[in-house]
Amino acid sequence: MEEYLQVVPSELEIIKQDVEKKNSELEKKIELLEEEKMHLRLDVDVQKLEAEKLKKGKNKVEEDLDSLKTDYKKLRVSMRTAGLGKTSEQWRREI
């Protein structure tokens, strides 16, 4: 007779198994989310570095442009002082 008896888990044991299964699934999801969070932080760090690099490059270009403008103004003044800034029409009148 004992051969035909089955062990039937109690309702509490079934609920406990379900909870443990859900807990395991949630732990896996948490691990995946934490890994994704880490990757997103790395992406943000990379983007911040790229933005900083672009900003420095922009500042350098602006400084170079300002320097070129200053040099151009100095050159124009030097040319006027030396008489080299005249147009061909002005040279003809002078000759």
Protein backbone atom coordinates (compact mmCIF):
# COMPACT_ATOMS: atom_id res chain seq x y z
CA MET A 1 0.00 0.00 0.00
CA GLU A 2 2.84 2.41 0.73
CA GLU A 3 4.01 2.04 -2.84
CA TYR A 4 0.90 3.77 -4.09
CA LEU A 5 1.02 6.68 -1.70
CA GLN A 6 2.27 9.93 -3.14
CA VAL A 7 3.73 12.81 -1.23
CA VAL A 8 1.65 15.82 -2.08
CA PRO A 9 3.24 19.11 -1.13
CA SER A 10 1.17 21.31 1.09
CA GLU A 11 -0.22 24.59 -0.16
CA LEU A 12 2.36 26.42 1.94
CA GLU A 13 5.21 24.47 0.33
CA ILE A 14 3.86 25.23 -3.15
CA ILE A 15 3.65 28.94 -2.32
CA LYS A 16 7.16 28.83 -0.86
CA GLN A 17 8.52 27.25 -4.06
CA ASP A 18 6.75 29.88 -6.18
CA VAL A 19 8.18 32.66 -4.04
CA GLU A 20 11.69 31.19 -4.27
CA LYS A 21 11.36 30.89 -8.04
CA LYS A 22 10.15 34.50 -8.36
CA ASN A 23 12.93 35.62 -6.03
CA SER A 24 15.51 33.88 -8.19
CA GLU A 25 14.09 35.48 -11.35
CA LEU A 26 14.08 38.91 -9.72
CA GLU A 27 17.68 38.49 -8.56
CA LYS A 28 18.71 37.71 -12.15
CA LYS A 29 16.83 40.78 -13.39
CA ILE A 30 18.52 42.91 -10.72
CA GLU A 31 21.94 41.63 -11.81
CA LEU A 32 21.15 42.45 -15.45
CA LEU A 33 19.90 45.92 -14.51
CA GLU A 34 23.00 46.60 -12.42
CA GLU A 35 25.20 45.51 -15.32
CA GLU A 36 23.25 47.73 -17.70
CA LYS A 37 23.53 50.60 -15.21
CA MET A 38 27.30 50.14 -15.11
CA HIS A 39 27.49 50.19 -18.93
CA LEU A 40 25.33 53.30 -19.06
CA ARG A 41 27.62 55.02 -16.55
CA LEU A 42 30.59 54.12 -18.72
CA ASP A 43 28.77 55.51 -21.76
CA VAL A 44 28.06 58.73 -19.87
CA ASP A 45 31.71 59.00 -18.81
CA VAL A 46 32.85 58.52 -22.42
CA GLN A 47 30.38 61.14 -23.64
CA LYS A 48 31.54 63.58 -20.96
CA LEU A 49 35.15 63.07 -22.02
CA GLU A 50 34.24 63.57 -25.68
CA ALA A 51 32.27 66.73 -24.84
CA GLU A 52 35.19 68.06 -22.81
CA LYS A 53 37.59 67.29 -25.66
CA LEU A 54 35.30 69.06 -28.16
CA LYS A 55 34.97 72.05 -25.85
CA LYS A 56 38.75 72.32 -25.51
CA GLY A 57 39.09 72.02 -29.29
CA LYS A 58 36.46 74.72 -29.80
CA ASN A 59 38.24 77.02 -27.34
CA LYS A 60 41.55 76.43 -29.15
CA VAL A 61 39.96 77.21 -32.52
CA GLU A 62 38.41 80.40 -31.11
CA GLU A 63 41.77 81.45 -29.67
CA ASP A 64 43.47 80.75 -33.01
CA LEU A 65 40.79 82.76 -34.84
CA ASP A 66 41.21 85.70 -32.46
CA SER A 67 44.98 85.52 -32.94
CA LEU A 68 44.58 85.48 -36.73
CA LYS A 69 42.25 88.48 -36.58
CA THR A 70 44.78 90.38 -34.47
CA ASP A 71 47.62 89.45 -36.82
CA TYR A 72 45.53 90.50 -39.83
CA LYS A 73 44.78 93.89 -38.26
CA LYS A 74 48.48 94.41 -37.49
CA LEU A 75 49.38 93.44 -41.06
CA ARG A 76 46.84 95.88 -42.51
CA VAL A 77 48.24 98.68 -40.32
CA SER A 78 51.79 97.81 -41.40
CA MET A 79 50.77 97.75 -45.05
CA ARG A 80 49.06 101.14 -44.75
CA THR A 81 52.10 102.56 -42.97
CA ALA A 82 54.41 101.22 -45.67
CA GLY A 83 52.07 102.30 -48.46
CA LEU A 84 51.46 98.75 -49.60
CA GLY A 85 47.74 98.83 -48.92
CA LYS A 86 46.95 101.04 -51.88
CA THR A 87 44.82 99.83 -54.73
CA SER A 88 46.17 99.85 -58.29
CA GLU A 89 44.06 102.95 -59.00
CA GLN A 90 45.68 104.78 -56.07
CA TRP A 91 49.15 103.85 -57.39
CA ARG A 92 48.29 105.16 -60.87
CA ARG A 93 47.15 108.48 -59.44
CA GLU A 94 50.33 108.77 -57.42
CA ILE A 95 52.55 108.08 -60.43
